[in-house]
Amino acid sequence: MADTKTHTGCRDDLTVDASRCLKMRYSESGCRRCVDICPHKAVSLDGFLAINPNHCSGCLLCTSVCPAGALEQNSDFSNSLAQLSRVPEPVLGCLRTKEHSNATLACLGGLSAEHLVTLCHTLPGTLTLNLTACNGCPNSTMILHLRQCIEALFTAGLLEGGCSIVAAESAQIINYRDESIGRRSFFHSFRNALFQSAAVILSANNEPTERRTEYAGKRLPVRRELLNNSRNKLPQELVVRIQKHFDVRATISEVCTMCQGCVAICPTGALNTGESDVPPAFDHVRCTGCQLCAEFCLDAALHIHSVTQ
């Protein structure tokens, strides 16, 4: 029997950190984002976060919606970004199209809005997403999600000033060229890749697929880190648009008892305090809008809103 990983990917393309899962941190949480988006019913939240390896085909859609980093790609996206930055018209593909792509993910379903903003404002020219092998692929349902995400970002003005992003299902519109090392293009490639490569730790994709973070430990999902790094380098007009699209605000009412429970349960460190007798401070840059703090608050004193509300 052929190795299906060469065709669609598998459970090993995911890193699972159940300690980050909202449902695992607070059983009454209503979060079901990963379950609802999975086209193969491979994700379970019954008792604990689990991925059925017999059903998972590595579409990575769950990683694009998990707000806490409980489900993430088991790959080095920074390395892929560096590879793409070395060519003037980069092509990003999947396992099925790796021979005609400058960099690959297990599946392009793992491209979240944060990934796309980062790609747009890091790469030169036109970025082509190679979808030519999606017809007949078990993961083809991700195409609609990807196109909707690109359209939403375009409508919000978040792709202005960066490279063009083309989702190509036809080989005729893909202009793939391998990285050139000719003297003529050396300095151009070097300039584009230098800062990206400096931040990359090369790996053979051998990270464990199971991870556990201490409950009290705070960390951001990789895609939120990418977004925050990108916004620091953009014009103020774009930063404001990013805030409207991605960020939220918190309001804490006078009924707050300063119990600090929200600080403890927040998986990203968006709520913090140095004193036990004052309401917590809120850091919008670290908040992914997961709503866990509001669900957990016994006094219903904490509310999370869009910045436009």
Protein backbone atom coordinates (compact mmCIF):
# COMPACT_ATOMS: atom_id res chain seq x y z
CA MET A 1 0.00 0.00 0.00
CA ALA A 2 1.37 3.41 -0.93
CA ASP A 3 2.37 5.85 1.77
CA THR A 4 -0.62 8.19 1.98
CA LYS A 5 1.56 10.90 3.51
CA THR A 6 2.98 11.59 0.04
CA HIS A 7 -0.56 12.31 -1.13
CA THR A 8 -2.41 14.13 1.64
CA GLY A 9 -0.32 14.37 4.79
CA CYS A 10 -1.39 12.84 8.11
CA ARG A 11 -1.77 13.28 11.85
CA ASP A 12 2.03 13.70 12.18
CA ASP A 13 1.76 17.06 10.41
CA LEU A 14 0.06 18.43 13.54
CA THR A 15 1.56 19.31 16.90
CA VAL A 16 -1.01 18.92 19.68
CA ASP A 17 -0.68 20.72 23.01
CA ALA A 18 -3.81 19.78 24.94
CA SER A 19 -2.83 22.03 27.85
CA ARG A 20 -3.52 25.01 25.57
CA CYS A 21 -6.99 23.81 24.51
CA LEU A 22 -9.77 26.04 25.87
CA LYS A 23 -12.05 23.07 26.49
CA MET A 24 -9.30 21.31 28.43
CA ARG A 25 -8.53 24.40 30.51
CA TYR A 26 -12.20 25.00 31.33
CA SER A 27 -14.68 22.23 30.62
CA GLU A 28 -17.58 24.70 30.26
CA SER A 29 -15.92 26.54 27.39
CA GLY A 30 -18.04 26.60 24.27
CA CYS A 31 -15.10 26.55 21.88
CA ARG A 32 -15.51 23.98 19.09
CA ARG A 33 -13.64 25.72 16.30
CA CYS A 34 -11.41 22.74 15.47
CA VAL A 35 -14.28 20.24 15.55
CA ASP A 36 -16.54 22.41 13.40
CA ILE A 37 -13.98 23.06 10.67
CA CYS A 38 -12.55 19.54 10.36
CA PRO A 39 -13.97 17.98 7.16
CA HIS A 40 -13.04 14.44 8.22
CA LYS A 41 -14.38 14.44 11.80
CA ALA A 42 -10.90 13.64 13.04
CA VAL A 43 -10.94 16.01 16.03
CA SER A 44 -12.47 15.01 19.36
CA LEU A 45 -13.05 17.06 22.51
CA ASP A 46 -14.64 14.26 24.49
CA GLY A 47 -12.73 14.31 27.77
CA PHE A 48 -9.53 15.56 26.15
CA LEU A 49 -8.29 16.99 22.87
CA ALA A 50 -7.43 14.16 20.49
CA ILE A 51 -6.84 13.65 16.77
CA ASN A 52 -7.89 10.33 15.23
CA PRO A 53 -4.91 9.31 13.05
CA ASN A 54 -7.13 7.07 10.95
CA HIS A 55 -9.32 10.00 9.91
CA CYS A 56 -6.84 12.91 9.82
CA SER A 57 -5.40 13.65 6.38
CA GLY A 58 -3.32 16.67 7.41
CA CYS A 59 -5.45 19.43 5.88
CA LEU A 60 -4.34 21.70 8.78
CA LEU A 61 -7.60 23.65 8.80
CA CYS A 62 -7.83 23.16 12.56
CA THR A 63 -4.53 24.99 13.01
CA SER A 64 -5.89 28.01 11.13
CA VAL A 65 -8.72 28.53 13.62
CA CYS A 66 -7.38 27.37 17.01
CA PRO A 67 -7.07 30.58 19.09
CA ALA A 68 -4.73 29.19 21.73
CA GLY A 69 -2.05 27.23 19.88
CA ALA A 70 -3.35 23.84 21.00
CA LEU A 71 -3.20 22.69 17.38
CA GLU A 72 -0.32 23.92 15.23
CA GLN A 73 1.58 22.90 12.14
CA ASN A 74 4.46 20.55 12.79
CA SER A 75 6.72 22.48 10.47
CA ASP A 76 9.00 25.50 10.47
CA PHE A 77 7.03 28.23 8.73
CA SER A 78 9.90 30.70 9.12
CA ASN A 79 12.08 28.35 7.08
CA SER A 80 9.44 28.23 4.34
CA LEU A 81 9.23 32.02 4.41
CA ALA A 82 12.99 32.28 3.97
CA GLN A 83 12.93 29.87 1.02
CA LEU A 84 10.16 31.85 -0.66
CA SER A 85 11.96 35.14 -0.14
CA ARG A 86 14.91 33.97 -2.25
CA VAL A 87 12.99 34.10 -5.52
CA PRO A 88 11.29 37.10 -7.17
CA GLU A 89 8.03 35.26 -7.99
CA PRO A 90 7.68 32.58 -5.29
CA VAL A 91 5.38 29.55 -5.44
CA LEU A 92 4.07 27.93 -2.25
CA GLY A 93 2.70 24.42 -2.56
CA CYS A 94 1.75 21.27 -0.68
CA LEU A 95 3.14 17.74 -0.51
CA ARG A 96 1.59 16.94 -3.88
CA THR A 97 3.17 19.92 -5.67
CA LYS A 98 6.59 20.09 -4.02
CA GLU A 99 8.40 19.49 -7.32
CA HIS A 100 6.91 22.71 -8.69
CA SER A 101 7.03 24.89 -5.59
CA ASN A 102 9.77 26.91 -3.91
CA ALA A 103 8.50 25.89 -0.46
CA THR A 104 5.79 23.59 0.83
CA LEU A 105 3.41 22.96 3.71
CA ALA A 106 1.72 19.62 4.31
CA CYS A 107 -1.45 21.33 3.03
CA LEU A 108 -2.26 24.94 2.22
CA GLY A 109 -5.32 24.64 4.43
CA GLY A 110 -2.98 25.63 7.24
CA LEU A 111 -2.65 29.16 5.87
CA SER A 112 -4.52 31.36 8.33
CA ALA A 113 -5.28 35.05 7.87
CA GLU A 114 -2.20 35.82 9.97
CA HIS A 115 0.01 33.70 7.72
CA LEU A 116 -1.34 35.40 4.61
CA VAL A 117 -0.74 38.91 5.98
CA THR A 118 2.82 37.90 6.86
CA LEU A 119 3.45 36.41 3.42
CA CYS A 120 1.96 39.43 1.67
CA HIS A 121 4.13 41.96 3.49
CA THR A 122 7.34 39.94 3.46
CA LEU A 123 7.67 38.54 -0.05
CA PRO A 124 8.41 40.27 -3.36
CA GLY A 125 6.41 40.29 -6.58
CA THR A 126 3.55 37.82 -6.78
CA LEU A 127 3.07 34.86 -4.46
CA THR A 128 1.36 31.94 -6.19
CA LEU A 129 -0.41 29.35 -4.04
CA ASN A 130 -0.10 26.11 -6.01
CA LEU A 131 -3.52 24.41 -5.84
CA THR A 132 -3.10 22.40 -9.05
CA ALA A 133 -3.20 19.03 -7.27
CA CYS A 134 -6.30 19.79 -5.21
CA ASN A 135 -8.78 18.19 -7.61
CA GLY A 136 -9.54 14.75 -6.25
CA CYS A 137 -7.56 15.38 -3.06
CA PRO A 138 -9.39 14.50 0.19
CA ASN A 139 -8.38 17.94 1.47
CA SER A 140 -9.92 19.89 -1.41
CA THR A 141 -12.56 21.42 0.89
CA MET A 142 -9.86 23.74 2.19
CA ILE A 143 -9.90 25.70 -1.09
CA LEU A 144 -13.13 27.47 -0.21
CA HIS A 145 -11.83 28.46 3.24
CA LEU A 146 -8.58 29.73 1.73
CA ARG A 147 -10.27 31.79 -0.95
CA GLN A 148 -12.74 33.27 1.55
CA CYS A 149 -9.84 34.24 3.81
CA ILE A 150 -7.95 35.95 0.99
CA GLU A 151 -11.10 37.80 -0.09
CA ALA A 152 -11.80 39.00 3.46
CA LEU A 153 -8.24 40.31 3.82
CA PHE A 154 -8.43 42.04 0.43
CA THR A 155 -11.75 43.68 1.32
CA ALA A 156 -10.30 44.89 4.62
CA GLY A 157 -7.36 46.50 2.79
CA LEU A 158 -4.84 44.31 4.57
CA LEU A 159 -3.12 43.16 1.37
CA GLU A 160 -2.40 46.66 0.06
CA GLY A 161 1.23 47.57 -0.43
CA GLY A 162 2.45 43.98 -0.33
CA CYS A 163 2.94 41.23 -2.86
CA SER A 164 -0.01 39.96 -4.87
CA ILE A 165 -1.43 36.59 -3.80
CA VAL A 166 -2.81 34.30 -6.49
CA ALA A 167 -4.58 31.04 -5.68
CA ALA A 168 -3.86 28.98 -8.81
CA GLU A 169 -5.77 25.81 -9.61
CA SER A 170 -4.46 25.71 -13.19
CA ALA A 171 -0.84 24.86 -14.03
CA GLN A 172 -0.99 27.31 -16.93
CA ILE A 173 -0.88 30.34 -14.64
CA ILE A 174 1.96 29.09 -12.42
CA ASN A 175 5.32 30.62 -13.23
CA TYR A 176 7.57 28.33 -11.20
CA ARG A 177 11.29 28.88 -11.29
CA ASP A 178 13.82 27.19 -9.08
CA GLU A 179 16.01 29.41 -6.93
CA SER A 180 18.76 30.85 -9.10
CA ILE A 181 22.29 31.08 -7.78
CA GLY A 182 23.65 32.93 -10.78
CA ARG A 183 25.86 35.93 -10.14
CA ARG A 184 23.29 38.22 -11.69
CA SER A 185 20.60 37.36 -9.16
CA PHE A 186 22.79 36.62 -6.17
CA PHE A 187 22.61 40.01 -4.49
CA HIS A 188 18.88 40.34 -5.13
CA SER A 189 18.21 36.97 -3.51
CA PHE A 190 20.64 37.66 -0.70
CA ARG A 191 18.97 40.97 0.13
CA ASN A 192 15.50 39.42 0.24
CA ALA A 193 16.51 36.39 2.29
CA LEU A 194 19.05 37.79 4.72
CA PHE A 195 16.84 38.88 7.58
CA GLN A 196 14.45 35.97 7.17
CA SER A 197 17.25 33.41 7.16
CA ALA A 198 18.85 34.94 10.23
CA ALA A 199 15.73 34.10 12.23
CA VAL A 200 15.42 30.50 11.03
CA ILE A 201 16.53 27.42 12.92
CA LEU A 202 16.70 24.73 10.29
CA SER A 203 15.01 21.50 11.22
CA ALA A 204 14.07 18.18 9.64
CA ASN A 205 10.49 18.41 10.84
CA ASN A 206 11.33 16.15 13.75
CA GLU A 207 9.54 18.01 16.52
CA PRO A 208 7.34 15.84 18.71
CA THR A 209 3.70 15.78 17.65
CA GLU A 210 2.63 15.91 21.28
CA ARG A 211 3.59 18.81 23.51
CA ARG A 212 2.59 19.90 26.97
CA THR A 213 2.97 23.41 28.35
CA GLU A 214 2.65 24.05 32.05
CA TYR A 215 -0.85 25.31 32.84
CA ALA A 216 0.51 28.56 34.27
CA GLY A 217 2.77 29.06 31.25
CA LYS A 218 1.71 31.70 28.76
CA ARG A 219 2.53 31.66 25.07
CA LEU A 220 1.12 32.95 21.82
CA PRO A 221 0.11 30.76 18.90
CA VAL A 222 2.75 30.88 16.18
CA ARG A 223 0.39 32.61 13.76
CA ARG A 224 -0.27 35.42 16.26
CA GLU A 225 3.48 35.86 16.73
CA LEU A 226 3.85 36.16 12.96
CA LEU A 227 1.15 38.83 12.83
CA ASN A 228 2.68 40.82 15.69
CA ASN A 229 6.11 40.72 14.07
CA SER A 230 4.62 41.88 10.77
CA ARG A 231 2.63 44.77 12.22
CA ASN A 232 5.76 46.23 13.79
CA LYS A 233 7.20 46.85 10.32
CA LEU A 234 4.13 48.24 8.55
CA PRO A 235 2.91 51.81 7.94
CA GLN A 236 0.56 53.19 10.57
CA GLU A 237 -2.43 53.07 8.23
CA LEU A 238 -2.02 49.32 7.83
CA VAL A 239 -1.42 48.85 11.55
CA VAL A 240 -4.79 50.49 12.24
CA ARG A 241 -6.48 48.14 9.75
CA ILE A 242 -4.84 45.14 11.42
CA GLN A 243 -6.14 46.31 14.78
CA LYS A 244 -9.69 46.57 13.41
CA HIS A 245 -9.53 43.14 11.78
CA PHE A 246 -7.62 41.06 14.35
CA ASP A 247 -7.61 42.81 17.71
CA VAL A 248 -10.22 42.97 20.44
CA ARG A 249 -10.70 45.07 23.56
CA ALA A 250 -11.68 44.09 27.09
CA THR A 251 -14.00 45.90 29.47
CA ILE A 252 -14.07 45.07 33.16
CA SER A 253 -17.10 46.27 35.10
CA GLU A 254 -17.35 47.50 38.68
CA VAL A 255 -18.62 44.10 39.86
CA CYS A 256 -15.12 42.64 39.37
CA THR A 257 -13.91 41.13 42.67
CA MET A 258 -10.24 41.11 41.56
CA CYS A 259 -10.08 37.33 42.06
CA GLN A 260 -7.47 37.11 39.25
CA GLY A 261 -9.03 33.93 37.93
CA CYS A 262 -9.07 35.36 34.42
CA VAL A 263 -5.33 36.06 34.67
CA ALA A 264 -4.64 32.47 35.62
CA ILE A 265 -6.80 30.85 32.94
CA CYS A 266 -5.75 33.04 29.99
CA PRO A 267 -3.46 30.89 27.78
CA THR A 268 -1.61 33.78 26.11
CA GLY A 269 -0.85 36.24 28.91
CA ALA A 270 -3.17 38.94 27.56
CA LEU A 271 -4.42 39.57 31.11
CA ASN A 272 -1.91 40.33 33.82
CA THR A 273 -1.53 42.14 37.11
CA GLY A 274 1.16 42.91 39.61
CA GLU A 275 -1.27 43.47 42.47
CA SER A 276 -4.06 41.33 43.85
CA ASP A 277 -6.40 44.21 44.78
CA VAL A 278 -6.76 45.84 41.35
CA PRO A 279 -8.44 44.64 38.15
CA PRO A 280 -6.07 43.04 35.65
CA ALA A 281 -4.45 44.96 32.82
CA PHE A 282 -5.27 43.95 29.26
CA ASP A 283 -2.74 43.62 26.41
CA HIS A 284 -4.60 43.61 23.08
CA VAL A 285 -1.50 42.51 21.17
CA ARG A 286 -1.41 39.24 23.09
CA CYS A 287 -5.15 38.58 22.97
CA THR A 288 -6.50 36.22 20.29
CA GLY A 289 -10.14 36.83 21.22
CA CYS A 290 -10.72 33.28 22.46
CA GLN A 291 -13.26 34.53 25.07
CA LEU A 292 -12.08 32.01 27.70
CA CYS A 293 -11.65 34.69 30.36
CA ALA A 294 -15.22 35.96 29.86
CA GLU A 295 -16.61 32.43 29.99
CA PHE A 296 -14.68 31.70 33.18
CA CYS A 297 -15.53 34.89 35.10
CA LEU A 298 -17.97 33.95 37.89
CA ASP A 299 -19.13 37.54 38.23
CA ALA A 300 -19.68 38.16 34.51
CA ALA A 301 -17.52 41.25 34.98
CA LEU A 302 -15.30 40.74 31.95
CA HIS A 303 -16.38 41.25 28.34
CA ILE A 304 -14.39 40.94 25.12
CA HIS A 305 -15.43 43.11 22.14
CA SER A 306 -14.27 43.95 18.68
CA VAL A 307 -12.26 47.17 18.64
CA THR A 308 -14.93 48.66 16.38
CA GLN A 309 -17.69 48.14 18.96
